[in-house]
N, C-alpha and C. Protein backbone atom coordinates (compact mmCIF):
# COMPACT_ATOMS: atom_id res chain seq x y z
N MET A 1 -16.72 45.32 -58.20
CA MET A 1 -16.86 44.65 -57.00
C MET A 1 -15.88 44.47 -55.84
N ASN A 2 -15.98 44.80 -54.94
CA ASN A 2 -15.07 44.90 -53.91
C ASN A 2 -15.33 43.86 -52.94
N GLN A 3 -14.40 42.80 -52.65
CA GLN A 3 -14.46 41.75 -51.67
C GLN A 3 -13.75 42.04 -50.50
N VAL A 4 -14.27 41.60 -49.35
CA VAL A 4 -13.50 41.81 -48.19
C VAL A 4 -13.19 40.24 -47.53
N PHE A 5 -11.97 40.02 -47.52
CA PHE A 5 -11.58 38.85 -46.95
C PHE A 5 -11.31 38.89 -45.47
N ARG A 6 -12.15 38.01 -44.77
CA ARG A 6 -11.45 37.91 -43.36
C ARG A 6 -10.83 36.67 -43.05
N GLN A 7 -9.82 36.91 -41.98
CA GLN A 7 -8.94 35.68 -41.70
C GLN A 7 -9.52 35.25 -40.47
N SER A 8 -9.56 34.01 -40.56
CA SER A 8 -10.01 33.31 -39.05
C SER A 8 -8.55 32.56 -38.64
N GLY A 9 -8.85 32.32 -37.18
CA GLY A 9 -7.67 31.70 -36.61
C GLY A 9 -7.36 32.48 -35.17
N PHE A 10 -6.13 32.13 -34.63
CA PHE A 10 -5.59 32.89 -33.58
C PHE A 10 -4.41 33.54 -33.83
N THR A 11 -4.16 34.65 -33.16
CA THR A 11 -3.10 35.46 -33.16
C THR A 11 -2.06 34.78 -32.35
N LEU A 12 -0.65 35.00 -32.73
CA LEU A 12 0.23 34.38 -32.03
C LEU A 12 0.19 35.09 -30.40
N ILE A 13 -0.30 36.05 -30.07
CA ILE A 13 -0.43 36.37 -28.66
C ILE A 13 -1.27 35.48 -27.59
N GLU A 14 -2.58 35.24 -28.73
CA GLU A 14 -3.72 34.54 -28.07
C GLU A 14 -3.21 33.07 -27.75
N LEU A 15 -2.44 32.53 -28.71
CA LEU A 15 -1.87 31.32 -28.54
C LEU A 15 -1.00 31.24 -27.33
N MET A 16 -0.02 32.14 -27.20
CA MET A 16 0.80 32.22 -26.17
C MET A 16 0.19 32.15 -24.90
N VAL A 17 -0.90 33.15 -24.83
CA VAL A 17 -1.68 33.22 -23.42
C VAL A 17 -2.42 32.13 -22.98
N ALA A 18 -2.88 31.27 -24.13
CA ALA A 18 -3.66 29.99 -23.77
C ALA A 18 -2.45 28.98 -23.37
N VAL A 19 -1.16 28.99 -23.91
CA VAL A 19 -0.29 27.98 -23.53
C VAL A 19 0.07 28.40 -22.04
N ALA A 20 0.34 29.51 -21.81
CA ALA A 20 0.77 29.82 -20.46
C ALA A 20 -0.20 29.65 -19.31
N VAL A 21 -1.46 29.76 -19.66
CA VAL A 21 -2.75 29.22 -18.83
C VAL A 21 -2.68 27.71 -18.47
N ALA A 22 -2.56 26.96 -19.74
CA ALA A 22 -2.45 25.77 -19.57
C ALA A 22 -1.31 25.07 -18.69
N GLY A 23 -0.04 25.85 -18.88
CA GLY A 23 1.29 25.46 -18.11
C GLY A 23 0.93 25.69 -16.69
N ALA A 24 0.23 26.80 -16.29
CA ALA A 24 0.03 27.27 -15.01
C ALA A 24 -1.03 25.94 -14.22
N ILE A 25 -1.84 25.88 -15.01
CA ILE A 25 -2.87 24.69 -14.37
C ILE A 25 -2.24 23.05 -14.30
N VAL A 26 -1.37 22.76 -15.11
CA VAL A 26 -0.67 21.80 -14.98
C VAL A 26 0.41 21.84 -13.87
N ALA A 27 1.06 22.96 -13.59
CA ALA A 27 2.20 22.99 -12.56
C ALA A 27 1.40 23.04 -11.30
N TYR A 28 0.15 23.62 -11.38
CA TYR A 28 -0.68 23.51 -9.91
C TYR A 28 -1.07 22.07 -9.43
N GLY A 29 -1.59 21.41 -10.57
CA GLY A 29 -2.00 20.23 -10.16
C GLY A 29 -1.01 18.89 -10.06
N LEU A 30 0.30 19.10 -10.78
CA LEU A 30 1.27 17.92 -10.71
C LEU A 30 1.37 17.37 -9.25
N PRO A 31 1.78 18.35 -8.37
CA PRO A 31 1.96 17.83 -6.86
C PRO A 31 0.87 16.86 -6.42
N MET A 32 -0.56 17.27 -6.70
CA MET A 32 -1.56 16.67 -6.24
C MET A 32 -1.62 15.27 -6.88
N LEU A 33 -1.12 15.09 -8.00
CA LEU A 33 -1.37 13.84 -8.99
C LEU A 33 -0.05 12.90 -8.43
N GLN A 34 1.20 13.58 -7.84
CA GLN A 34 1.95 12.59 -7.27
C GLN A 34 1.71 11.98 -6.16
N ASP A 35 0.84 12.82 -5.26
CA ASP A 35 0.13 12.36 -4.03
C ASP A 35 -0.68 11.01 -4.21
N VAL A 36 -1.50 11.42 -5.18
CA VAL A 36 -2.60 10.43 -5.66
C VAL A 36 -1.81 9.07 -5.82
N VAL A 37 -0.71 9.08 -6.88
CA VAL A 37 0.07 7.99 -7.15
C VAL A 37 0.73 7.22 -5.98
N LEU A 38 1.31 7.93 -5.16
CA LEU A 38 1.99 7.47 -3.78
C LEU A 38 0.82 6.72 -2.91
N ASN A 39 -0.55 7.46 -2.85
CA ASN A 39 -1.46 6.87 -1.94
C ASN A 39 -1.76 5.56 -2.62
N GLN A 40 -2.02 5.34 -3.89
CA GLN A 40 -2.14 4.07 -4.56
C GLN A 40 -1.20 3.10 -4.21
N ARG A 41 0.09 3.45 -4.31
CA ARG A 41 1.10 2.45 -4.09
C ARG A 41 0.98 1.95 -2.46
N VAL A 42 0.71 2.71 -1.63
CA VAL A 42 0.35 2.41 -0.28
C VAL A 42 -0.69 1.33 -0.38
N ARG A 43 -1.89 1.89 -0.81
CA ARG A 43 -3.12 0.93 -0.95
C ARG A 43 -2.76 -0.26 -1.41
N THR A 44 -2.10 -0.53 -2.40
CA THR A 44 -1.85 -1.67 -3.22
C THR A 44 -0.92 -2.64 -2.36
N SER A 45 0.04 -1.92 -1.74
CA SER A 45 0.79 -2.75 -0.92
C SER A 45 0.33 -3.50 0.38
N ALA A 46 -0.52 -2.64 0.81
CA ALA A 46 -1.44 -3.13 2.10
C ALA A 46 -2.43 -4.09 1.68
N SER A 47 -3.19 -3.89 0.40
CA SER A 47 -4.13 -4.77 -0.10
C SER A 47 -3.43 -6.25 -0.50
N ASP A 48 -2.36 -6.25 -1.03
CA ASP A 48 -1.35 -7.24 -1.42
C ASP A 48 -1.29 -8.25 -0.22
N PHE A 49 -0.51 -7.58 0.73
CA PHE A 49 -0.27 -8.16 2.14
C PHE A 49 -1.58 -8.64 2.73
N HIS A 50 -2.57 -8.07 2.86
CA HIS A 50 -3.84 -8.50 3.31
C HIS A 50 -4.36 -9.74 2.48
N THR A 51 -4.22 -9.80 1.15
CA THR A 51 -4.64 -10.93 0.35
C THR A 51 -3.67 -12.10 0.51
N ALA A 52 -2.49 -11.83 1.02
CA ALA A 52 -1.66 -12.93 1.24
C ALA A 52 -1.89 -13.70 2.61
N LEU A 53 -2.57 -12.90 3.78
CA LEU A 53 -2.89 -13.38 4.97
C LEU A 53 -4.13 -14.09 4.77
N LEU A 54 -4.95 -13.65 3.89
CA LEU A 54 -6.23 -14.50 3.58
C LEU A 54 -6.19 -15.68 2.72
N LEU A 55 -5.03 -15.74 1.93
CA LEU A 55 -4.57 -16.90 1.34
C LEU A 55 -4.18 -17.93 2.15
N ALA A 56 -3.10 -17.44 2.81
CA ALA A 56 -2.44 -18.31 3.98
C ALA A 56 -3.31 -18.93 4.95
N ARG A 57 -4.37 -18.18 5.54
CA ARG A 57 -5.24 -18.75 6.51
C ARG A 57 -6.23 -19.72 5.75
N SER A 58 -6.72 -19.40 4.48
CA SER A 58 -7.69 -20.36 3.83
C SER A 58 -7.07 -21.58 3.41
N GLU A 59 -5.78 -21.52 2.91
CA GLU A 59 -5.08 -22.61 2.70
C GLU A 59 -4.63 -23.54 3.86
N ALA A 60 -4.34 -22.99 5.10
CA ALA A 60 -4.19 -23.72 6.10
C ALA A 60 -5.41 -24.68 6.68
N ILE A 61 -6.49 -23.90 6.53
CA ILE A 61 -7.69 -24.68 6.87
C ILE A 61 -8.04 -25.62 5.60
N LYS A 62 -7.88 -25.38 4.51
CA LYS A 62 -8.22 -26.26 3.20
C LYS A 62 -7.48 -27.58 3.37
N ARG A 63 -6.16 -27.24 3.65
CA ARG A 63 -5.01 -28.44 3.53
C ARG A 63 -5.10 -29.30 4.95
N GLY A 64 -5.55 -28.67 5.94
CA GLY A 64 -5.39 -29.35 7.44
C GLY A 64 -4.01 -29.31 7.68
N SER A 65 -3.22 -28.22 7.43
CA SER A 65 -1.82 -28.17 7.84
C SER A 65 -1.51 -26.78 7.87
N SER A 66 -0.28 -26.73 8.54
CA SER A 66 0.23 -25.27 8.96
C SER A 66 0.76 -24.54 7.48
N VAL A 67 0.41 -23.07 7.49
CA VAL A 67 0.86 -22.40 6.28
C VAL A 67 1.79 -21.27 6.82
N ASP A 68 2.89 -21.12 6.41
CA ASP A 68 3.80 -19.98 6.69
C ASP A 68 3.87 -18.94 5.59
N ILE A 69 4.06 -17.62 6.18
CA ILE A 69 4.25 -16.39 5.48
C ILE A 69 5.79 -15.96 6.14
N ASP A 70 6.71 -15.98 4.96
CA ASP A 70 8.06 -15.60 5.43
C ASP A 70 8.08 -13.93 4.96
N ILE A 71 8.48 -13.20 5.67
CA ILE A 71 8.48 -11.61 5.49
C ILE A 71 9.88 -11.28 5.50
N ASN A 72 10.31 -10.62 4.49
CA ASN A 72 11.58 -9.66 4.37
C ASN A 72 11.52 -8.24 3.95
N THR A 73 12.43 -7.71 3.74
CA THR A 73 12.58 -6.28 3.31
C THR A 73 11.94 -6.20 1.88
N ASP A 74 11.73 -6.83 0.98
CA ASP A 74 11.25 -6.80 -0.15
C ASP A 74 9.96 -7.25 -0.50
N GLY A 75 9.47 -7.91 0.42
CA GLY A 75 8.14 -8.46 0.45
C GLY A 75 7.94 -9.62 1.33
N TRP A 76 7.13 -10.79 0.64
CA TRP A 76 6.76 -11.84 1.48
C TRP A 76 6.61 -13.30 0.50
N GLU A 77 6.51 -14.26 1.35
CA GLU A 77 6.34 -15.63 0.74
C GLU A 77 5.21 -16.41 1.48
N VAL A 78 4.23 -17.04 0.73
CA VAL A 78 3.46 -17.90 1.33
C VAL A 78 3.66 -19.28 1.03
N ALA A 79 3.96 -20.15 2.09
CA ALA A 79 4.28 -21.55 1.55
C ALA A 79 3.71 -22.59 2.61
N SER A 80 3.42 -23.68 2.17
CA SER A 80 2.91 -24.75 2.81
C SER A 80 4.01 -25.79 2.55
N GLY A 81 4.84 -26.06 3.63
CA GLY A 81 5.95 -26.84 3.52
C GLY A 81 6.87 -26.54 2.55
N ALA A 82 6.93 -27.51 1.47
CA ALA A 82 8.11 -26.95 0.34
C ALA A 82 7.16 -26.40 -0.99
N THR A 83 6.02 -26.27 -0.75
CA THR A 83 5.02 -25.76 -1.97
C THR A 83 4.72 -24.25 -1.52
N VAL A 84 5.36 -23.35 -2.55
CA VAL A 84 5.28 -22.07 -2.50
C VAL A 84 3.97 -21.75 -3.00
N LEU A 85 3.07 -21.07 -2.46
CA LEU A 85 1.70 -20.60 -2.85
C LEU A 85 1.61 -19.33 -3.45
N LEU A 86 2.49 -18.36 -3.02
CA LEU A 86 2.43 -16.97 -3.37
C LEU A 86 3.74 -16.20 -3.10
N THR A 87 4.25 -15.42 -4.03
CA THR A 87 5.56 -14.82 -3.56
C THR A 87 5.32 -13.37 -4.07
N LYS A 88 5.72 -12.40 -3.13
CA LYS A 88 5.62 -11.16 -3.48
C LYS A 88 7.06 -10.26 -3.21
N ASP A 89 7.88 -10.26 -4.21
CA ASP A 89 9.17 -9.71 -3.89
C ASP A 89 9.42 -8.47 -4.72
N ASP A 90 8.43 -7.88 -5.06
CA ASP A 90 8.70 -6.45 -5.68
C ASP A 90 8.03 -5.37 -4.89
N LEU A 91 8.10 -5.28 -3.73
CA LEU A 91 7.24 -4.24 -3.00
C LEU A 91 8.09 -3.03 -3.51
N HIS A 92 7.17 -1.96 -3.75
CA HIS A 92 7.73 -0.79 -4.36
C HIS A 92 8.75 -0.09 -3.44
N ALA A 93 9.71 0.50 -4.11
CA ALA A 93 10.89 1.15 -3.30
C ALA A 93 10.39 2.40 -2.41
N THR A 94 9.45 2.86 -2.95
CA THR A 94 8.99 4.03 -1.96
C THR A 94 8.10 3.68 -0.74
N VAL A 95 7.52 2.59 -0.99
CA VAL A 95 6.43 2.14 0.08
C VAL A 95 7.35 1.56 1.34
N ASP A 96 7.33 1.91 2.58
CA ASP A 96 7.88 1.41 3.84
C ASP A 96 6.79 0.76 4.37
N PHE A 97 7.26 -0.38 5.30
CA PHE A 97 6.44 -1.07 6.30
C PHE A 97 7.13 -1.13 7.63
N ALA A 98 6.39 -1.01 8.73
CA ALA A 98 6.74 -1.41 10.04
C ALA A 98 5.81 -2.14 10.91
N CYS A 99 6.28 -2.51 11.94
CA CYS A 99 5.32 -3.48 12.85
C CYS A 99 5.24 -2.95 14.00
N SER A 100 4.24 -3.26 14.86
CA SER A 100 3.70 -3.15 16.14
C SER A 100 2.83 -4.20 16.63
N THR A 101 3.61 -4.60 17.68
CA THR A 101 3.12 -6.01 18.18
C THR A 101 2.48 -5.62 19.59
N ASP A 102 2.34 -4.40 20.18
CA ASP A 102 1.70 -4.10 21.45
C ASP A 102 1.12 -2.81 21.33
N ALA A 103 0.48 -2.47 22.33
CA ALA A 103 -0.50 -1.37 22.42
C ALA A 103 0.39 0.07 22.22
N ASP A 104 1.84 0.18 22.42
CA ASP A 104 2.25 1.41 22.44
C ASP A 104 2.62 1.96 21.10
N THR A 105 2.24 1.30 19.89
CA THR A 105 2.26 1.59 18.68
C THR A 105 3.56 2.11 17.94
N SER A 106 4.66 2.04 19.04
CA SER A 106 6.08 2.33 18.33
C SER A 106 6.50 1.13 17.53
N PRO A 107 7.21 1.47 16.38
CA PRO A 107 7.75 0.76 15.50
C PRO A 107 8.65 -0.46 16.09
N GLU A 108 8.48 -1.58 15.84
CA GLU A 108 9.29 -2.74 16.10
C GLU A 108 10.09 -3.53 15.01
N THR A 109 10.56 -4.52 15.38
CA THR A 109 10.86 -5.47 14.33
C THR A 109 9.85 -6.15 13.79
N CYS A 110 9.69 -6.46 12.33
CA CYS A 110 8.57 -7.51 12.02
C CYS A 110 9.23 -8.86 12.33
N PRO A 111 7.97 -9.89 12.73
CA PRO A 111 8.50 -11.14 12.57
C PRO A 111 8.80 -11.66 11.41
N SER A 112 9.91 -12.56 11.41
CA SER A 112 10.33 -12.97 10.08
C SER A 112 9.43 -14.07 9.42
N SER A 113 8.52 -14.54 10.33
CA SER A 113 7.50 -15.34 9.66
C SER A 113 6.20 -15.48 10.52
N ILE A 114 5.11 -15.60 9.90
CA ILE A 114 3.95 -15.95 10.45
C ILE A 114 3.27 -17.28 10.23
N SER A 115 2.95 -17.78 11.14
CA SER A 115 2.37 -19.28 10.81
C SER A 115 0.93 -19.56 11.25
N TYR A 116 0.09 -19.98 10.31
CA TYR A 116 -1.22 -20.37 10.50
C TYR A 116 -1.45 -21.83 10.84
N THR A 117 -2.03 -22.08 11.71
CA THR A 117 -2.33 -23.54 12.15
C THR A 117 -3.39 -23.99 11.13
N ARG A 118 -3.66 -25.47 11.50
CA ARG A 118 -4.56 -26.07 10.57
C ARG A 118 -6.28 -25.64 10.78
N THR A 119 -6.27 -24.88 11.89
CA THR A 119 -7.61 -24.50 12.32
C THR A 119 -7.83 -22.84 11.69
N GLY A 120 -6.67 -22.38 11.01
CA GLY A 120 -6.80 -20.88 10.74
C GLY A 120 -6.40 -19.91 11.72
N ARG A 121 -5.95 -20.28 12.64
CA ARG A 121 -5.39 -19.31 13.88
C ARG A 121 -4.10 -19.28 13.95
N LEU A 122 -3.57 -18.23 14.30
CA LEU A 122 -2.00 -18.05 14.46
C LEU A 122 -1.58 -19.12 15.40
N ASP A 123 -0.16 -19.52 14.94
CA ASP A 123 0.66 -20.26 15.91
C ASP A 123 0.71 -19.84 17.18
N VAL A 124 0.73 -20.72 18.13
CA VAL A 124 1.03 -20.20 19.71
C VAL A 124 2.01 -19.42 20.02
N GLY A 125 3.27 -19.51 19.11
CA GLY A 125 4.40 -18.44 19.20
C GLY A 125 4.16 -17.31 18.58
N ASP A 126 3.06 -16.93 17.76
CA ASP A 126 2.89 -15.79 17.04
C ASP A 126 1.97 -14.90 17.96
N ASN A 127 2.06 -13.65 18.04
CA ASN A 127 1.17 -12.80 18.69
C ASN A 127 0.39 -12.13 17.80
N PRO A 128 -0.61 -11.47 18.22
CA PRO A 128 -1.20 -10.39 17.20
C PRO A 128 -0.45 -9.08 17.03
N PHE A 129 -0.46 -8.77 15.85
CA PHE A 129 0.34 -7.55 15.43
C PHE A 129 -0.28 -6.76 14.38
N GLU A 130 0.31 -5.85 14.15
CA GLU A 130 -0.13 -4.81 13.02
C GLU A 130 1.24 -4.32 12.22
N ILE A 131 0.79 -4.47 10.65
CA ILE A 131 1.75 -4.07 9.77
C ILE A 131 1.29 -2.61 9.38
N ARG A 132 2.39 -1.69 9.43
CA ARG A 132 2.02 -0.37 8.78
C ARG A 132 2.44 -0.21 7.49
N PHE A 133 1.72 0.32 6.39
CA PHE A 133 2.72 0.61 5.17
C PHE A 133 2.49 2.01 4.90
N PHE A 134 3.38 2.61 4.55
CA PHE A 134 3.36 4.32 4.72
C PHE A 134 4.66 4.67 3.79
N ILE A 135 4.63 5.98 3.42
CA ILE A 135 5.64 6.81 2.80
C ILE A 135 6.43 7.51 3.47
N THR A 136 7.85 7.13 3.87
CA THR A 136 8.67 8.11 4.70
C THR A 136 8.73 9.52 4.22
N GLY A 137 8.51 10.49 5.15
CA GLY A 137 8.64 11.77 4.69
C GLY A 137 7.56 12.53 3.94
N ASN A 138 6.59 12.02 3.73
CA ASN A 138 5.58 12.43 2.98
C ASN A 138 4.06 12.51 3.83
N SER A 139 3.76 13.36 4.40
CA SER A 139 2.51 13.62 5.29
C SER A 139 1.20 13.67 4.36
N ASN A 140 1.40 13.92 3.26
CA ASN A 140 0.13 13.79 2.33
C ASN A 140 -0.17 12.59 1.94
N THR A 141 0.39 11.51 2.32
CA THR A 141 -0.14 10.22 1.93
C THR A 141 -0.79 9.67 3.10
N LEU A 142 -1.53 8.76 3.25
CA LEU A 142 -2.13 8.18 4.45
C LEU A 142 -1.67 6.83 4.59
N SER A 143 -1.45 6.20 5.82
CA SER A 143 -0.74 5.08 5.96
C SER A 143 -1.88 4.19 5.98
N ARG A 144 -1.59 2.91 5.52
CA ARG A 144 -2.55 1.87 5.74
C ARG A 144 -1.89 0.56 6.91
N CYS A 145 -2.98 -0.05 7.51
CA CYS A 145 -2.36 -0.87 8.44
C CYS A 145 -3.18 -2.16 8.20
N VAL A 146 -2.39 -3.21 8.29
CA VAL A 146 -2.86 -4.48 8.22
C VAL A 146 -2.70 -5.25 9.68
N GLY A 147 -3.84 -5.41 10.42
CA GLY A 147 -3.94 -6.09 11.62
C GLY A 147 -4.24 -7.54 11.66
N ILE A 148 -3.66 -8.28 12.34
CA ILE A 148 -3.88 -9.73 12.57
C ILE A 148 -4.22 -10.00 14.03
N THR A 149 -5.40 -10.56 14.20
CA THR A 149 -5.76 -11.02 15.48
C THR A 149 -5.19 -12.58 15.85
N LEU A 150 -5.33 -12.73 17.19
CA LEU A 150 -4.99 -14.05 17.51
C LEU A 150 -5.56 -15.44 16.71
N SER A 151 -6.89 -15.07 16.45
CA SER A 151 -7.77 -15.90 15.84
C SER A 151 -7.49 -15.96 14.43
N GLY A 152 -6.49 -15.11 13.91
CA GLY A 152 -5.83 -15.28 12.35
C GLY A 152 -6.73 -14.49 11.44
N ILE A 153 -7.70 -13.71 12.00
CA ILE A 153 -8.53 -12.98 10.98
C ILE A 153 -7.73 -11.63 10.85
N ALA A 154 -7.41 -10.90 9.49
CA ALA A 154 -6.82 -10.00 9.09
C ALA A 154 -7.77 -8.99 8.60
N ASN A 155 -7.60 -7.65 9.00
CA ASN A 155 -8.29 -6.52 8.64
C ASN A 155 -7.27 -5.46 8.07
N VAL A 156 -7.79 -4.50 7.40
CA VAL A 156 -7.10 -3.35 6.89
C VAL A 156 -7.66 -2.05 7.33
N THR A 157 -6.95 -1.25 7.98
CA THR A 157 -7.46 -0.06 8.32
C THR A 157 -6.74 1.28 8.08
N LEU A 158 -7.43 2.37 7.74
CA LEU A 158 -6.75 3.50 7.21
C LEU A 158 -6.41 4.47 8.42
N ASP A 159 -5.28 4.89 8.16
CA ASP A 159 -4.68 5.87 9.19
C ASP A 159 -5.69 7.19 9.21
N SER A 160 -6.13 7.50 10.59
CA SER A 160 -7.16 8.44 10.68
C SER A 160 -6.55 9.79 10.81
N ASP A 161 -5.26 9.97 11.39
CA ASP A 161 -4.83 11.49 11.49
C ASP A 161 -3.58 11.75 10.55
N GLY A 162 -3.23 10.85 9.81
CA GLY A 162 -2.27 11.33 8.63
C GLY A 162 -0.73 11.19 9.30
N ASN A 163 -0.63 10.77 10.55
CA ASN A 163 0.68 10.62 11.03
C ASN A 163 1.13 8.98 11.36
N PRO A 164 2.12 8.71 10.60
CA PRO A 164 2.40 7.21 10.26
C PRO A 164 3.09 6.85 11.66
N ALA A 165 3.74 7.52 12.18
CA ALA A 165 4.47 7.29 13.44
C ALA A 165 3.53 6.68 14.58
N ASN A 166 2.32 6.81 14.72
CA ASN A 166 1.51 6.52 15.72
C ASN A 166 0.48 5.52 15.48
N GLY A 167 0.67 4.70 14.28
CA GLY A 167 -0.37 3.60 13.95
C GLY A 167 -1.49 4.15 13.36
N CYS A 168 -2.38 3.32 13.25
CA CYS A 168 -3.71 3.67 12.43
C CYS A 168 -4.78 3.85 13.35
């Protein structure tokens, strides 16, 4: 009796080709994945600021007193008098923000604080403005803008043309 043994499995050449194909697919997709992560950081930062504005406005109405949002380079703080309601001091290092207080959309200095009155409107000294969240030097990520009207209502808009220099 003569038995024939067949071996099953992959040859070394087949395995090397499979690894090379997998490496090429990963190398092609990695830059796109990095853009997805950066877009999510911008989205999260804009959403966090929008939530802070909503909180400040609702707390001002609920408490019947003014509520302030102090803005600095690392984030913001929402406070009613000496009571701190919310602190965001870990704005991701890759996300930048700039302000625009008029129609020319050129970046200007952000106000150091925003005050909501007991009626939920911006304080008389505050003007409507827009804060743009973006990644400097990356045209593949979209800016997000948080605008505040004089009535105190905040909204988030997405950059429509991919150019953070001209607003949303």
